[in-house]
Amino acid sequence: MNRRPTLLAALALTAITALTLSACGSSDEESSAKDSDKIAGADTGGEKSAPPSESSASAAAGRPKIELPSDLSYTFDWPKTGDKEKDAILADGEQSIKAVDLAITNQDALDKGYLYYYEGEGAAVTQKFIQNYVDHKAGLTGSYRFYAPVVAVGKNGTGSLSYCEDQGKAYVKYLETSKVKKTEVTEESYVIYHTSLKKNDEGAWVIHKIVSERGSAKCQP
């Protein structure tokens, strides 16, 4: 997974097989996404969706409560679609992102929060990604921006969500020393993600597959 700033050289290698799965560029989702030069809205916010409150998000369908430390902040420039299912995918997508960061914060590669939102292949590669942070006693700090979502609802409770992430103000923090590894903003700070989702028995949209591309031209400001 290319999500989150590079931890260190050892993690960079694992990231290839972890959540970003940048080596899996032959996936149908990523290939279709490359048909256009830019994702619409990559440098414009559009009408922002109201962020779901932690209480409402966790209460619906038995979703886990996601509480993150104050040194982590998020901006979701995800416009409303007016479609009930599409907006539900966006809401659960937001919580799934935060759930991974909570697992890193908790230093628990089997944290129940993210396991609620990831199943199958998606859960397996996410576990490896989180475990790298646990092994190196590293956490996260800073701010993240997510934008330019493209969401679709398929048949039989399936869906997809693609989006961009700006990691320019996000950093790795080593927990034993509290040292923050700050990096310069480059084209590599922008990542595109493509996820495949299914609606579970509780009505939540969970991720089964996720691929990404760091330095994507579609997400450059």
C-alpha atoms as a PDB file:
ATOM      1  CA  MET A   1       0.000   0.000   0.000  1.00  0.00           C
ATOM      2  CA  ASN A   2       1.396   3.396  -0.913  1.00  0.00           C
ATOM      3  CA  ARG A   3      -0.853   4.899   1.709  1.00  0.00           C
ATOM      4  CA  ARG A   4       1.029   6.974   4.185  1.00  0.00           C
ATOM      5  CA  PRO A   5       4.505   8.519   3.955  1.00  0.00           C
ATOM      6  CA  THR A   6       7.421   6.170   3.401  1.00  0.00           C
ATOM      7  CA  LEU A   7       8.538   4.731   6.719  1.00  0.00           C
ATOM      8  CA  LEU A   8      12.064   3.710   5.788  1.00  0.00           C
ATOM      9  CA  ALA A   9      13.862   1.647   3.158  1.00  0.00           C
ATOM     10  CA  ALA A  10      12.774  -1.650   4.656  1.00  0.00           C
ATOM     11  CA  LEU A  11       9.149  -0.582   4.516  1.00  0.00           C
ATOM     12  CA  ALA A  12       9.366   0.720   0.988  1.00  0.00           C
ATOM     13  CA  LEU A  13       9.936  -2.811  -0.280  1.00  0.00           C
ATOM     14  CA  THR A  14       7.062  -4.229   1.701  1.00  0.00           C
ATOM     15  CA  ALA A  15       4.802  -1.444   0.505  1.00  0.00           C
ATOM     16  CA  ILE A  16       4.961  -2.948  -2.961  1.00  0.00           C
ATOM     17  CA  THR A  17       3.068  -5.990  -1.749  1.00  0.00           C
ATOM     18  CA  ALA A  18       1.059  -4.192   0.883  1.00  0.00           C
ATOM     19  CA  LEU A  19      -2.033  -2.046   0.589  1.00  0.00           C
ATOM     20  CA  THR A  20      -0.982   0.050  -2.354  1.00  0.00           C
ATOM     21  CA  LEU A  21      -0.138  -3.001  -4.443  1.00  0.00           C
ATOM     22  CA  SER A  22       1.524  -0.698  -6.963  1.00  0.00           C
ATOM     23  CA  ALA A  23       2.980  -3.759  -8.655  1.00  0.00           C
ATOM     24  CA  CYS A  24      -0.542  -4.875  -9.532  1.00  0.00           C
ATOM     25  CA  GLY A  25      -1.110  -2.215 -12.165  1.00  0.00           C
ATOM     26  CA  SER A  26      -2.794  -4.710 -14.440  1.00  0.00           C
ATOM     27  CA  SER A  27      -5.970  -4.756 -12.373  1.00  0.00           C
ATOM     28  CA  ASP A  28      -9.163  -3.902 -14.217  1.00  0.00           C
ATOM     29  CA  GLU A  29      -9.878  -0.961 -11.921  1.00  0.00           C
ATOM     30  CA  GLU A  30      -6.472   0.669 -12.308  1.00  0.00           C
ATOM     31  CA  SER A  31      -6.396   0.095 -16.052  1.00  0.00           C
ATOM     32  CA  SER A  32      -9.777   1.729 -16.523  1.00  0.00           C
ATOM     33  CA  ALA A  33      -8.752   4.650 -14.339  1.00  0.00           C
ATOM     34  CA  LYS A  34      -5.797   5.380 -16.620  1.00  0.00           C
ATOM     35  CA  ASP A  35      -8.111   6.020 -19.543  1.00  0.00           C
ATOM     36  CA  SER A  36      -8.369   9.666 -18.484  1.00  0.00           C
ATOM     37  CA  ASP A  37      -5.431  12.028 -17.948  1.00  0.00           C
ATOM     38  CA  LYS A  38      -6.834  13.642 -14.820  1.00  0.00           C
ATOM     39  CA  ILE A  39      -9.463  12.730 -12.302  1.00  0.00           C
ATOM     40  CA  ALA A  40     -12.200  15.321 -12.316  1.00  0.00           C
ATOM     41  CA  GLY A  41     -11.885  17.531  -9.254  1.00  0.00           C
ATOM     42  CA  ALA A  42      -8.250  16.678  -8.535  1.00  0.00           C
ATOM     43  CA  ASP A  43      -7.484  20.321  -7.877  1.00  0.00           C
ATOM     44  CA  THR A  44     -10.952  21.567  -6.946  1.00  0.00           C
ATOM     45  CA  GLY A  45     -12.934  20.710  -3.886  1.00  0.00           C
ATOM     46  CA  GLY A  46     -16.456  20.866  -5.301  1.00  0.00           C
ATOM     47  CA  GLU A  47     -19.370  20.539  -2.926  1.00  0.00           C
ATOM     48  CA  LYS A  48     -17.990  18.850   0.161  1.00  0.00           C
ATOM     49  CA  SER A  49     -19.880  16.118   1.872  1.00  0.00           C
ATOM     50  CA  ALA A  50     -20.591  16.647   5.528  1.00  0.00           C
ATOM     51  CA  PRO A  51     -18.165  14.441   7.459  1.00  0.00           C
ATOM     52  CA  PRO A  52     -20.014  11.738   9.386  1.00  0.00           C
ATOM     53  CA  SER A  53     -19.807  12.155  13.118  1.00  0.00           C
ATOM     54  CA  GLU A  54     -17.912   9.461  14.974  1.00  0.00           C
ATOM     55  CA  SER A  55     -21.023   8.551  16.934  1.00  0.00           C
ATOM     56  CA  SER A  56     -23.300   8.237  13.915  1.00  0.00           C
ATOM     57  CA  ALA A  57     -20.698   6.328  11.907  1.00  0.00           C
ATOM     58  CA  SER A  58     -20.043   3.838  14.680  1.00  0.00           C
ATOM     59  CA  ALA A  59     -23.687   3.414  15.606  1.00  0.00           C
ATOM     60  CA  ALA A  60     -24.851   2.523  12.097  1.00  0.00           C
ATOM     61  CA  ALA A  61     -24.678  -1.199  11.340  1.00  0.00           C
ATOM     62  CA  GLY A  62     -22.553  -1.816  14.417  1.00  0.00           C
ATOM     63  CA  ARG A  63     -19.555  -0.006  12.970  1.00  0.00           C
ATOM     64  CA  PRO A  64     -16.517   0.369  15.252  1.00  0.00           C
ATOM     65  CA  LYS A  65     -15.831   3.685  16.920  1.00  0.00           C
ATOM     66  CA  ILE A  66     -12.747   5.344  15.457  1.00  0.00           C
ATOM     67  CA  GLU A  67     -10.956   7.769  17.772  1.00  0.00           C
ATOM     68  CA  LEU A  68      -7.571   9.065  16.651  1.00  0.00           C
ATOM     69  CA  PRO A  69      -4.948  11.207  18.436  1.00  0.00           C
ATOM     70  CA  SER A  70      -5.122  14.974  18.094  1.00  0.00           C
ATOM     71  CA  ASP A  71      -1.913  15.199  16.047  1.00  0.00           C
ATOM     72  CA  LEU A  72      -3.650  13.479  13.127  1.00  0.00           C
ATOM     73  CA  SER A  73      -6.093  15.472  11.011  1.00  0.00           C
ATOM     74  CA  TYR A  74      -8.061  14.690   7.862  1.00  0.00           C
ATOM     75  CA  THR A  75      -9.747  16.629   5.092  1.00  0.00           C
ATOM     76  CA  PHE A  76     -12.152  14.761   2.843  1.00  0.00           C
ATOM     77  CA  ASP A  77     -13.014  16.845  -0.208  1.00  0.00           C
ATOM     78  CA  TRP A  78     -15.658  14.330  -1.217  1.00  0.00           C
ATOM     79  CA  PRO A  79     -18.728  15.906  -2.825  1.00  0.00           C
ATOM     80  CA  LYS A  80     -22.218  14.646  -2.190  1.00  0.00           C
ATOM     81  CA  THR A  81     -23.639  12.511  -4.969  1.00  0.00           C
ATOM     82  CA  GLY A  82     -27.284  12.515  -3.946  1.00  0.00           C
ATOM     83  CA  ASP A  83     -27.304   8.740  -4.356  1.00  0.00           C
ATOM     84  CA  LYS A  84     -27.885   6.832  -1.115  1.00  0.00           C
ATOM     85  CA  GLU A  85     -25.587   3.900  -1.898  1.00  0.00           C
ATOM     86  CA  LYS A  86     -22.797   6.017  -3.374  1.00  0.00           C
ATOM     87  CA  ASP A  87     -22.818   8.320  -0.369  1.00  0.00           C
ATOM     88  CA  ALA A  88     -22.737   5.255   1.904  1.00  0.00           C
ATOM     89  CA  ILE A  89     -19.626   4.017   0.073  1.00  0.00           C
ATOM     90  CA  LEU A  90     -17.980   7.397   0.582  1.00  0.00           C
ATOM     91  CA  ALA A  91     -18.849   7.413   4.288  1.00  0.00           C
ATOM     92  CA  ASP A  92     -17.554   3.885   4.860  1.00  0.00           C
ATOM     93  CA  GLY A  93     -14.498   4.659   2.738  1.00  0.00           C
ATOM     94  CA  GLU A  94     -13.636   7.525   5.060  1.00  0.00           C
ATOM     95  CA  GLN A  95     -13.977   5.327   8.122  1.00  0.00           C
ATOM     96  CA  SER A  96     -11.905   2.536   6.556  1.00  0.00           C
ATOM     97  CA  ILE A  97      -9.016   4.955   5.997  1.00  0.00           C
ATOM     98  CA  LYS A  98      -9.139   6.153   9.583  1.00  0.00           C
ATOM     99  CA  ALA A  99      -9.456   2.588  10.874  1.00  0.00           C
ATOM    100  CA  VAL A 100      -6.081   1.649   9.340  1.00  0.00           C
ATOM    101  CA  ASP A 101      -4.471   4.658  11.015  1.00  0.00           C
ATOM    102  CA  LEU A 102      -6.068   3.662  14.311  1.00  0.00           C
ATOM    103  CA  ALA A 103      -4.494   0.204  14.013  1.00  0.00           C
ATOM    104  CA  ILE A 104      -1.105   1.832  13.431  1.00  0.00           C
ATOM    105  CA  THR A 105      -1.698   4.118  16.412  1.00  0.00           C
ATOM    106  CA  ASN A 106      -2.660   1.107  18.536  1.00  0.00           C
ATOM    107  CA  GLN A 107       0.326  -0.835  17.151  1.00  0.00           C
ATOM    108  CA  ASP A 108      -1.982  -3.761  16.491  1.00  0.00           C
ATOM    109  CA  ALA A 109      -1.933  -5.513  13.104  1.00  0.00           C
ATOM    110  CA  LEU A 110      -5.098  -7.370  14.094  1.00  0.00           C
ATOM    111  CA  ASP A 111      -7.002  -4.339  15.329  1.00  0.00           C
ATOM    112  CA  LYS A 112     -10.743  -4.999  15.168  1.00  0.00           C
ATOM    113  CA  GLY A 113     -11.536  -1.573  13.736  1.00  0.00           C
ATOM    114  CA  TYR A 114      -9.842  -2.045  10.385  1.00  0.00           C
ATOM    115  CA  LEU A 115     -10.790  -5.724  10.201  1.00  0.00           C
ATOM    116  CA  TYR A 116     -14.410  -4.578  10.146  1.00  0.00           C
ATOM    117  CA  TYR A 117     -13.784  -2.640   6.934  1.00  0.00           C
ATOM    118  CA  TYR A 118     -11.366  -4.999   5.161  1.00  0.00           C
ATOM    119  CA  GLU A 119     -11.931  -8.619   4.146  1.00  0.00           C
ATOM    120  CA  GLY A 120     -10.158 -11.243   2.066  1.00  0.00           C
ATOM    121  CA  GLU A 121      -7.209  -9.992   0.034  1.00  0.00           C
ATOM    122  CA  GLY A 122      -7.770  -6.457   1.241  1.00  0.00           C
ATOM    123  CA  ALA A 123      -7.460  -7.515   4.879  1.00  0.00           C
ATOM    124  CA  ALA A 124      -4.368  -9.641   4.228  1.00  0.00           C
ATOM    125  CA  VAL A 125      -2.333  -6.893   2.582  1.00  0.00           C
ATOM    126  CA  THR A 126      -3.534  -4.315   5.114  1.00  0.00           C
ATOM    127  CA  GLN A 127      -2.321  -6.507   7.957  1.00  0.00           C
ATOM    128  CA  LYS A 128       1.153  -6.693   6.403  1.00  0.00           C
ATOM    129  CA  PHE A 129       1.205  -2.928   5.948  1.00  0.00           C
ATOM    130  CA  ILE A 130       0.275  -2.245   9.574  1.00  0.00           C
ATOM    131  CA  GLN A 131       2.702  -4.878  10.846  1.00  0.00           C
ATOM    132  CA  ASN A 132       5.598  -2.954   9.291  1.00  0.00           C
ATOM    133  CA  TYR A 133       4.804   0.029  11.462  1.00  0.00           C
ATOM    134  CA  VAL A 134       4.478  -2.209  14.515  1.00  0.00           C
ATOM    135  CA  ASP A 135       7.815  -3.900  13.800  1.00  0.00           C
ATOM    136  CA  HIS A 136       9.578  -0.541  13.542  1.00  0.00           C
ATOM    137  CA  LYS A 137       7.691   1.033  16.453  1.00  0.00           C
ATOM    138  CA  ALA A 138       6.480   3.803  14.180  1.00  0.00           C
ATOM    139  CA  GLY A 139       3.282   5.808  14.058  1.00  0.00           C
ATOM    140  CA  LEU A 140       1.786   8.683  12.072  1.00  0.00           C
ATOM    141  CA  THR A 141       1.433  12.413  12.531  1.00  0.00           C
ATOM    142  CA  GLY A 142       0.358  15.379  10.440  1.00  0.00           C
ATOM    143  CA  SER A 143      -2.545  16.057   8.110  1.00  0.00           C
ATOM    144  CA  TYR A 144      -4.027  14.179   5.168  1.00  0.00           C
ATOM    145  CA  ARG A 145      -6.235  15.333   2.344  1.00  0.00           C
ATOM    146  CA  PHE A 146      -8.403  13.020   0.251  1.00  0.00           C
ATOM    147  CA  TYR A 147     -10.070  14.280  -2.908  1.00  0.00           C
ATOM    148  CA  ALA A 148     -11.364  13.563  -6.413  1.00  0.00           C
ATOM    149  CA  PRO A 149     -13.487  10.519  -5.556  1.00  0.00           C
ATOM    150  CA  VAL A 150     -15.031   8.398  -8.296  1.00  0.00           C
ATOM    151  CA  VAL A 151     -17.653   6.047  -6.909  1.00  0.00           C
ATOM    152  CA  ALA A 152     -19.838   3.443  -8.603  1.00  0.00           C
ATOM    153  CA  VAL A 153     -22.393   0.877  -7.483  1.00  0.00           C
ATOM    154  CA  GLY A 154     -22.468  -2.460  -9.303  1.00  0.00           C
ATOM    155  CA  LYS A 155     -24.696  -5.498  -9.162  1.00  0.00           C
ATOM    156  CA  ASN A 156     -25.290  -7.862  -6.256  1.00  0.00           C
ATOM    157  CA  GLY A 157     -23.991  -5.546  -3.558  1.00  0.00           C
ATOM    158  CA  THR A 158     -20.693  -4.627  -5.213  1.00  0.00           C
ATOM    159  CA  GLY A 159     -19.128  -1.219  -5.690  1.00  0.00           C
ATOM    160  CA  SER A 160     -15.922   0.660  -6.386  1.00  0.00           C
ATOM    161  CA  LEU A 161     -14.232   3.774  -5.090  1.00  0.00           C
ATOM    162  CA  SER A 162     -11.208   5.559  -6.538  1.00  0.00           C
ATOM    163  CA  TYR A 163      -9.687   8.626  -4.905  1.00  0.00           C
ATOM    164  CA  CYS A 164      -6.545  10.708  -4.489  1.00  0.00           C
ATOM    165  CA  GLU A 165      -4.501  11.357  -1.368  1.00  0.00           C
ATOM    166  CA  ASP A 166      -2.169  14.272  -0.618  1.00  0.00           C
ATOM    167  CA  GLN A 167       0.539  13.110   1.807  1.00  0.00           C
ATOM    168  CA  GLY A 168       2.526  16.358   1.608  1.00  0.00           C
ATOM    169  CA  LYS A 169       1.923  17.241   5.260  1.00  0.00           C
ATOM    170  CA  ALA A 170       1.891  13.705   6.667  1.00  0.00           C
ATOM    171  CA  TYR A 171       4.886  12.177   8.414  1.00  0.00           C
ATOM    172  CA  VAL A 172       6.206   9.094  10.147  1.00  0.00           C
ATOM    173  CA  LYS A 173       6.751   9.383  13.896  1.00  0.00           C
ATOM    174  CA  TYR A 174       9.039   6.971  15.750  1.00  0.00           C
ATOM    175  CA  LEU A 175       7.339   6.126  19.011  1.00  0.00           C
ATOM    176  CA  GLU A 176      10.354   5.390  21.216  1.00  0.00           C
ATOM    177  CA  THR A 177      12.063   8.713  20.478  1.00  0.00           C
ATOM    178  CA  SER A 178       9.073  10.836  19.315  1.00  0.00           C
ATOM    179  CA  LYS A 179      11.247  11.806  16.347  1.00  0.00           C
ATOM    180  CA  VAL A 180       9.267  12.890  13.296  1.00  0.00           C
ATOM    181  CA  LYS A 181      10.637  12.038   9.856  1.00  0.00           C
ATOM    182  CA  LYS A 182       9.739  15.044   7.712  1.00  0.00           C
ATOM    183  CA  THR A 183      10.028  14.792   3.950  1.00  0.00           C
ATOM    184  CA  GLU A 184       9.817  17.302   1.119  1.00  0.00           C
ATOM    185  CA  VAL A 185       6.709  17.513  -1.013  1.00  0.00           C
ATOM    186  CA  THR A 186       7.286  15.956  -4.434  1.00  0.00           C
ATOM    187  CA  GLU A 187       5.113  14.294  -7.073  1.00  0.00           C
ATOM    188  CA  GLU A 188       5.503  11.130  -4.998  1.00  0.00           C
ATOM    189  CA  SER A 189       3.424  12.804  -2.275  1.00  0.00           C
ATOM    190  CA  TYR A 190       0.271  12.249  -4.343  1.00  0.00           C
ATOM    191  CA  VAL A 191      -1.273   8.800  -4.510  1.00  0.00           C
ATOM    192  CA  ILE A 192      -4.283   7.389  -6.332  1.00  0.00           C
ATOM    193  CA  TYR A 193      -6.250   4.439  -4.968  1.00  0.00           C
ATOM    194  CA  HIS A 194      -8.717   2.075  -6.580  1.00  0.00           C
ATOM    195  CA  THR A 195     -10.827  -0.128  -4.322  1.00  0.00           C
ATOM    196  CA  SER A 196     -13.338  -2.903  -4.912  1.00  0.00           C
ATOM    197  CA  LEU A 197     -16.060  -3.193  -2.288  1.00  0.00           C
ATOM    198  CA  LYS A 198     -18.903  -5.440  -1.247  1.00  0.00           C
ATOM    199  CA  LYS A 199     -21.784  -4.725   1.076  1.00  0.00           C
ATOM    200  CA  ASN A 200     -21.654  -7.003   4.111  1.00  0.00           C
ATOM    201  CA  ASP A 201     -24.566  -8.538   5.983  1.00  0.00           C
ATOM    202  CA  GLU A 202     -24.760  -5.490   8.259  1.00  0.00           C
ATOM    203  CA  GLY A 203     -25.066  -3.098   5.343  1.00  0.00           C
ATOM    204  CA  ALA A 204     -21.529  -1.713   5.518  1.00  0.00           C
ATOM    205  CA  TRP A 205     -19.324  -1.368   2.432  1.00  0.00           C
ATOM    206  CA  VAL A 206     -16.098  -3.311   3.025  1.00  0.00           C
ATOM    207  CA  ILE A 207     -12.927  -3.382   0.917  1.00  0.00           C
ATOM    208  CA  HIS A 208     -11.931  -6.644  -0.739  1.00  0.00           C
ATOM    209  CA  LYS A 209      -9.236  -5.346  -3.059  1.00  0.00           C
ATOM    210  CA  ILE A 210      -7.152  -2.164  -3.210  1.00  0.00           C
ATOM    211  CA  VAL A 211      -4.476  -1.027  -5.657  1.00  0.00           C
ATOM    212  CA  SER A 212      -2.661   2.286  -5.942  1.00  0.00           C
ATOM    213  CA  GLU A 213      -0.120   4.340  -7.797  1.00  0.00           C
ATOM    214  CA  ARG A 214       2.272   6.765  -6.107  1.00  0.00           C
ATOM    215  CA  GLY A 215       3.101   9.928  -8.048  1.00  0.00           C
ATOM    216  CA  SER A 216      -0.039   9.615 -10.140  1.00  0.00           C
ATOM    217  CA  ALA A 217      -0.422  12.362 -12.735  1.00  0.00           C
ATOM    218  CA  LYS A 218      -4.162  12.218 -12.126  1.00  0.00           C
ATOM    219  CA  CYS A 219      -3.729  13.539  -8.584  1.00  0.00           C
ATOM    220  CA  GLN A 220      -1.102  16.253  -9.094  1.00  0.00           C
ATOM    221  CA  PRO A 221      -2.217  19.740  -8.003  1.00  0.00           C
END
